Amino acid sequence: MLLSILALAAATPNACLDQTSTAAIAECFTRQTAQADARLNAAYKAARARIPARQAAALQAAQRAWIAYRDANCHAYALGEGTISRIEAAQCAFDTTSRRADELAAFSRRN
């Protein structure tokens, strides 16, 4: 397990990986995901406010599909072997949500 955590840390630097237990790491990612989700929601609302209704409906459909993808994809990590799977699932949720928040913020700036 230690080697898996070290490999994970090398792949994605994050303060959560400095925690001392699997539970603490997962909880840290959960907190970070909540912050990323708030950023995502703000970017989504800003984007919807700047675009015509037809485009807003398409964005809403895309966002719903993205949520289904994120949840299914990160759930697959949670089904892995050992305690590292909990960390991988939590990190998946954070990374995926953070990237989507960035994407929506960029979309909002373009429109």
N, C-alpha and C. Protein backbone atom coordinates (compact mmCIF):
# COMPACT_ATOMS: atom_id res chain seq x y z
N MET A 1 0.82 -1.18 0.00
CA MET A 1 0.00 0.00 0.00
C MET A 1 0.86 1.25 0.00
N LEU A 2 1.93 1.27 0.74
CA LEU A 2 2.80 2.44 0.80
C LEU A 2 3.33 2.78 -0.59
N LEU A 3 3.72 1.78 -1.36
CA LEU A 3 4.21 2.04 -2.71
C LEU A 3 3.12 2.65 -3.58
N SER A 4 1.89 2.20 -3.42
CA SER A 4 0.78 2.78 -4.19
C SER A 4 0.58 4.24 -3.83
N ILE A 5 0.63 4.55 -2.55
CA ILE A 5 0.47 5.94 -2.11
C ILE A 5 1.62 6.79 -2.63
N LEU A 6 2.83 6.28 -2.59
CA LEU A 6 3.98 7.03 -3.10
C LEU A 6 3.85 7.25 -4.60
N ALA A 7 3.39 6.26 -5.34
CA ALA A 7 3.19 6.42 -6.78
C ALA A 7 2.12 7.45 -7.05
N LEU A 8 1.07 7.43 -6.28
CA LEU A 8 -0.01 8.40 -6.42
C LEU A 8 0.50 9.80 -6.12
N ALA A 9 1.30 9.93 -5.10
CA ALA A 9 1.86 11.23 -4.73
C ALA A 9 2.77 11.77 -5.82
N ALA A 10 3.55 10.91 -6.43
CA ALA A 10 4.45 11.34 -7.49
C ALA A 10 3.68 11.78 -8.72
N ALA A 11 2.57 11.13 -8.99
CA ALA A 11 1.79 11.44 -10.18
C ALA A 11 1.03 12.76 -10.04
N THR A 12 0.54 13.07 -8.86
CA THR A 12 -0.27 14.26 -8.65
C THR A 12 0.08 14.90 -7.31
N PRO A 13 0.92 15.94 -7.33
CA PRO A 13 1.25 16.59 -6.07
C PRO A 13 0.00 17.25 -5.46
N ASN A 14 -0.25 16.98 -4.20
CA ASN A 14 -1.42 17.52 -3.52
C ASN A 14 -1.16 17.43 -2.03
N ALA A 15 -1.54 18.46 -1.31
CA ALA A 15 -1.33 18.48 0.14
C ALA A 15 -2.06 17.35 0.85
N CYS A 16 -3.14 16.86 0.26
CA CYS A 16 -3.88 15.75 0.89
C CYS A 16 -3.00 14.52 1.05
N LEU A 17 -2.08 14.32 0.14
CA LEU A 17 -1.24 13.13 0.19
C LEU A 17 -0.19 13.21 1.30
N ASP A 18 -0.11 14.36 1.97
CA ASP A 18 0.79 14.50 3.11
C ASP A 18 0.14 14.04 4.41
N GLN A 19 -1.15 13.71 4.36
CA GLN A 19 -1.86 13.25 5.56
C GLN A 19 -1.28 11.91 6.02
N THR A 20 -1.59 11.53 7.25
CA THR A 20 -0.94 10.36 7.84
C THR A 20 -1.73 9.07 7.77
N SER A 21 -2.98 9.12 7.31
CA SER A 21 -3.76 7.89 7.23
C SER A 21 -4.63 7.91 5.98
N THR A 22 -5.06 6.74 5.58
CA THR A 22 -5.95 6.62 4.43
C THR A 22 -7.21 7.44 4.64
N ALA A 23 -7.80 7.34 5.82
CA ALA A 23 -9.02 8.08 6.11
C ALA A 23 -8.79 9.59 6.02
N ALA A 24 -7.67 10.07 6.55
CA ALA A 24 -7.37 11.50 6.53
C ALA A 24 -7.14 11.99 5.10
N ILE A 25 -6.47 11.18 4.29
CA ILE A 25 -6.24 11.54 2.89
C ILE A 25 -7.57 11.65 2.16
N ALA A 26 -8.42 10.64 2.32
CA ALA A 26 -9.72 10.64 1.65
C ALA A 26 -10.58 11.82 2.11
N GLU A 27 -10.57 12.11 3.41
CA GLU A 27 -11.35 13.23 3.94
C GLU A 27 -10.84 14.56 3.38
N CYS A 28 -9.53 14.68 3.25
CA CYS A 28 -8.94 15.89 2.69
C CYS A 28 -9.40 16.08 1.24
N PHE A 29 -9.35 15.00 0.45
CA PHE A 29 -9.83 15.09 -0.94
C PHE A 29 -11.31 15.43 -0.98
N THR A 30 -12.08 14.91 -0.04
CA THR A 30 -13.51 15.22 0.00
C THR A 30 -13.73 16.70 0.25
N ARG A 31 -12.95 17.29 1.16
CA ARG A 31 -13.03 18.74 1.42
C ARG A 31 -12.63 19.53 0.17
N GLN A 32 -11.54 19.10 -0.47
CA GLN A 32 -11.09 19.80 -1.67
C GLN A 32 -12.13 19.68 -2.79
N THR A 33 -12.77 18.52 -2.88
CA THR A 33 -13.80 18.32 -3.89
C THR A 33 -14.98 19.26 -3.64
N ALA A 34 -15.36 19.44 -2.40
CA ALA A 34 -16.45 20.37 -2.07
C ALA A 34 -16.10 21.79 -2.52
N GLN A 35 -14.85 22.20 -2.31
CA GLN A 35 -14.41 23.52 -2.76
C GLN A 35 -14.42 23.61 -4.28
N ALA A 36 -13.93 22.57 -4.94
CA ALA A 36 -13.94 22.55 -6.41
C ALA A 36 -15.37 22.55 -6.94
N ASP A 37 -16.26 21.85 -6.26
CA ASP A 37 -17.66 21.80 -6.67
C ASP A 37 -18.32 23.17 -6.55
N ALA A 38 -17.99 23.91 -5.50
CA ALA A 38 -18.52 25.26 -5.35
C ALA A 38 -18.02 26.15 -6.49
N ARG A 39 -16.76 26.00 -6.84
CA ARG A 39 -16.18 26.76 -7.96
C ARG A 39 -16.84 26.36 -9.28
N LEU A 40 -17.07 25.06 -9.45
CA LEU A 40 -17.75 24.55 -10.64
C LEU A 40 -19.15 25.13 -10.75
N ASN A 41 -19.91 25.11 -9.65
CA ASN A 41 -21.28 25.62 -9.67
C ASN A 41 -21.32 27.11 -10.00
N ALA A 42 -20.38 27.87 -9.47
CA ALA A 42 -20.33 29.30 -9.76
C ALA A 42 -20.00 29.53 -11.24
N ALA A 43 -19.07 28.77 -11.77
CA ALA A 43 -18.70 28.90 -13.19
C ALA A 43 -19.86 28.49 -14.09
N TYR A 44 -20.57 27.44 -13.71
CA TYR A 44 -21.72 26.97 -14.48
C TYR A 44 -22.82 28.03 -14.52
N LYS A 45 -23.12 28.61 -13.37
CA LYS A 45 -24.15 29.65 -13.31
C LYS A 45 -23.73 30.88 -14.12
N ALA A 46 -22.46 31.25 -14.04
CA ALA A 46 -21.97 32.39 -14.81
C ALA A 46 -22.07 32.11 -16.30
N ALA A 47 -21.72 30.92 -16.71
CA ALA A 47 -21.79 30.56 -18.13
C ALA A 47 -23.24 30.58 -18.62
N ARG A 48 -24.14 30.00 -17.85
CA ARG A 48 -25.56 29.95 -18.27
C ARG A 48 -26.15 31.35 -18.36
N ALA A 49 -25.69 32.25 -17.52
CA ALA A 49 -26.23 33.61 -17.52
C ALA A 49 -25.81 34.40 -18.76
N ARG A 50 -24.75 33.96 -19.42
CA ARG A 50 -24.19 34.73 -20.54
C ARG A 50 -24.56 34.18 -21.92
N ILE A 51 -25.30 33.11 -21.98
CA ILE A 51 -25.57 32.48 -23.27
C ILE A 51 -27.07 32.43 -23.56
N PRO A 52 -27.43 32.33 -24.84
CA PRO A 52 -28.86 32.24 -25.19
C PRO A 52 -29.49 30.95 -24.67
N ALA A 53 -30.81 30.95 -24.57
CA ALA A 53 -31.55 29.82 -23.99
C ALA A 53 -31.24 28.49 -24.66
N ARG A 54 -31.15 28.46 -25.98
CA ARG A 54 -30.87 27.21 -26.68
C ARG A 54 -29.49 26.66 -26.30
N GLN A 55 -28.52 27.53 -26.23
CA GLN A 55 -27.18 27.11 -25.83
C GLN A 55 -27.16 26.71 -24.36
N ALA A 56 -27.92 27.41 -23.53
CA ALA A 56 -28.00 27.06 -22.10
C ALA A 56 -28.59 25.68 -21.91
N ALA A 57 -29.59 25.33 -22.72
CA ALA A 57 -30.18 23.99 -22.63
C ALA A 57 -29.16 22.92 -23.02
N ALA A 58 -28.36 23.21 -24.03
CA ALA A 58 -27.31 22.27 -24.44
C ALA A 58 -26.25 22.13 -23.36
N LEU A 59 -25.89 23.25 -22.74
CA LEU A 59 -24.91 23.21 -21.66
C LEU A 59 -25.45 22.42 -20.47
N GLN A 60 -26.73 22.60 -20.16
CA GLN A 60 -27.34 21.85 -19.07
C GLN A 60 -27.31 20.35 -19.35
N ALA A 61 -27.63 19.96 -20.57
CA ALA A 61 -27.58 18.54 -20.94
C ALA A 61 -26.15 18.00 -20.84
N ALA A 62 -25.20 18.80 -21.29
CA ALA A 62 -23.79 18.39 -21.21
C ALA A 62 -23.35 18.25 -19.76
N GLN A 63 -23.78 19.17 -18.92
CA GLN A 63 -23.40 19.12 -17.51
C GLN A 63 -23.99 17.89 -16.83
N ARG A 64 -25.23 17.57 -17.14
CA ARG A 64 -25.84 16.38 -16.56
C ARG A 64 -25.11 15.11 -17.01
N ALA A 65 -24.73 15.07 -18.28
CA ALA A 65 -23.97 13.91 -18.79
C ALA A 65 -22.60 13.85 -18.13
N TRP A 66 -21.97 15.00 -17.92
CA TRP A 66 -20.66 15.03 -17.28
C TRP A 66 -20.76 14.52 -15.84
N ILE A 67 -21.80 14.92 -15.12
CA ILE A 67 -21.98 14.45 -13.73
C ILE A 67 -22.12 12.93 -13.71
N ALA A 68 -22.90 12.39 -14.62
CA ALA A 68 -23.06 10.93 -14.69
C ALA A 68 -21.72 10.26 -14.99
N TYR A 69 -20.95 10.84 -15.92
CA TYR A 69 -19.62 10.30 -16.23
C TYR A 69 -18.71 10.34 -15.01
N ARG A 70 -18.63 11.51 -14.36
CA ARG A 70 -17.74 11.65 -13.20
C ARG A 70 -18.09 10.63 -12.12
N ASP A 71 -19.37 10.53 -11.81
CA ASP A 71 -19.80 9.63 -10.75
C ASP A 71 -19.48 8.17 -11.09
N ALA A 72 -19.77 7.76 -12.32
CA ALA A 72 -19.50 6.38 -12.73
C ALA A 72 -18.01 6.10 -12.79
N ASN A 73 -17.25 7.03 -13.33
CA ASN A 73 -15.80 6.84 -13.46
C ASN A 73 -15.13 6.74 -12.10
N CYS A 74 -15.46 7.64 -11.20
CA CYS A 74 -14.83 7.62 -9.88
C CYS A 74 -15.31 6.45 -9.04
N HIS A 75 -16.54 6.01 -9.27
CA HIS A 75 -17.04 4.82 -8.58
C HIS A 75 -16.22 3.59 -8.98
N ALA A 76 -15.79 3.54 -10.22
CA ALA A 76 -14.95 2.42 -10.67
C ALA A 76 -13.66 2.35 -9.85
N TYR A 77 -13.09 3.50 -9.52
CA TYR A 77 -11.89 3.51 -8.67
C TYR A 77 -12.22 2.97 -7.28
N ALA A 78 -13.38 3.32 -6.77
CA ALA A 78 -13.78 2.90 -5.42
C ALA A 78 -13.92 1.39 -5.31
N LEU A 79 -14.15 0.71 -6.41
CA LEU A 79 -14.33 -0.74 -6.39
C LEU A 79 -13.03 -1.51 -6.46
N GLY A 80 -11.90 -0.80 -6.46
CA GLY A 80 -10.60 -1.45 -6.54
C GLY A 80 -10.25 -2.20 -5.27
N GLU A 81 -9.14 -2.89 -5.33
CA GLU A 81 -8.65 -3.69 -4.21
C GLU A 81 -7.97 -2.82 -3.16
N GLY A 82 -8.16 -3.12 -1.92
CA GLY A 82 -7.43 -2.50 -0.82
C GLY A 82 -7.89 -1.10 -0.47
N THR A 83 -7.25 -0.56 0.55
CA THR A 83 -7.65 0.75 1.05
C THR A 83 -7.25 1.88 0.11
N ILE A 84 -6.29 1.64 -0.77
CA ILE A 84 -5.87 2.69 -1.70
C ILE A 84 -7.02 3.08 -2.63
N SER A 85 -7.96 2.16 -2.85
CA SER A 85 -9.07 2.48 -3.76
C SER A 85 -9.91 3.64 -3.23
N ARG A 86 -10.03 3.76 -1.93
CA ARG A 86 -10.77 4.89 -1.34
C ARG A 86 -10.08 6.21 -1.67
N ILE A 87 -8.77 6.22 -1.58
CA ILE A 87 -8.01 7.43 -1.90
C ILE A 87 -8.12 7.73 -3.39
N GLU A 88 -7.97 6.71 -4.22
CA GLU A 88 -8.05 6.91 -5.67
C GLU A 88 -9.42 7.45 -6.08
N ALA A 89 -10.48 6.94 -5.47
CA ALA A 89 -11.82 7.43 -5.79
C ALA A 89 -12.00 8.88 -5.36
N ALA A 90 -11.50 9.22 -4.18
CA ALA A 90 -11.62 10.59 -3.69
C ALA A 90 -10.79 11.55 -4.54
N GLN A 91 -9.60 11.11 -4.93
CA GLN A 91 -8.76 11.95 -5.78
C GLN A 91 -9.39 12.10 -7.16
N CYS A 92 -9.99 11.04 -7.67
CA CYS A 92 -10.69 11.10 -8.96
C CYS A 92 -11.77 12.18 -8.91
N ALA A 93 -12.56 12.17 -7.86
CA ALA A 93 -13.64 13.16 -7.73
C ALA A 93 -13.08 14.58 -7.70
N PHE A 94 -12.01 14.77 -6.94
CA PHE A 94 -11.41 16.11 -6.87
C PHE A 94 -10.83 16.53 -8.22
N ASP A 95 -10.00 15.68 -8.81
CA ASP A 95 -9.35 16.03 -10.07
C ASP A 95 -10.37 16.30 -11.17
N THR A 96 -11.35 15.42 -11.29
CA THR A 96 -12.35 15.55 -12.35
C THR A 96 -13.19 16.81 -12.15
N THR A 97 -13.60 17.07 -10.93
CA THR A 97 -14.42 18.25 -10.64
C THR A 97 -13.62 19.52 -10.86
N SER A 98 -12.37 19.51 -10.44
CA SER A 98 -11.52 20.69 -10.59
C SER A 98 -11.30 21.01 -12.08
N ARG A 99 -11.03 19.97 -12.87
CA ARG A 99 -10.84 20.20 -14.31
C ARG A 99 -12.11 20.75 -14.96
N ARG A 100 -13.27 20.21 -14.57
CA ARG A 100 -14.53 20.69 -15.15
C ARG A 100 -14.80 22.13 -14.71
N ALA A 101 -14.48 22.48 -13.49
CA ALA A 101 -14.64 23.87 -13.04
C ALA A 101 -13.79 24.80 -13.89
N ASP A 102 -12.56 24.41 -14.17
CA ASP A 102 -11.68 25.21 -15.03
C ASP A 102 -12.27 25.34 -16.43
N GLU A 103 -12.78 24.22 -16.95
CA GLU A 103 -13.37 24.22 -18.29
C GLU A 103 -14.59 25.15 -18.36
N LEU A 104 -15.46 25.09 -17.37
CA LEU A 104 -16.64 25.95 -17.36
C LEU A 104 -16.27 27.42 -17.18
N ALA A 105 -15.24 27.69 -16.38
CA ALA A 105 -14.79 29.07 -16.21
C ALA A 105 -14.27 29.62 -17.54
N ALA A 106 -13.52 28.81 -18.27
CA ALA A 106 -13.03 29.22 -19.59
C ALA A 106 -14.19 29.42 -20.56
N PHE A 107 -15.16 28.52 -20.52
CA PHE A 107 -16.35 28.64 -21.37
C PHE A 107 -17.08 29.95 -21.08
N SER A 108 -17.21 30.27 -19.82
CA SER A 108 -17.89 31.49 -19.41
C SER A 108 -17.16 32.73 -19.92
N ARG A 109 -15.84 32.70 -19.87
CA ARG A 109 -15.05 33.85 -20.34
C ARG A 109 -15.17 34.04 -21.85
N ARG A 110 -15.34 32.95 -22.59
CA ARG A 110 -15.45 33.04 -24.05
C ARG A 110 -16.81 33.57 -24.50
N ASN A 111 -17.81 33.40 -23.69
CA ASN A 111 -19.17 33.77 -24.12
C ASN A 111 -19.67 35.03 -23.43
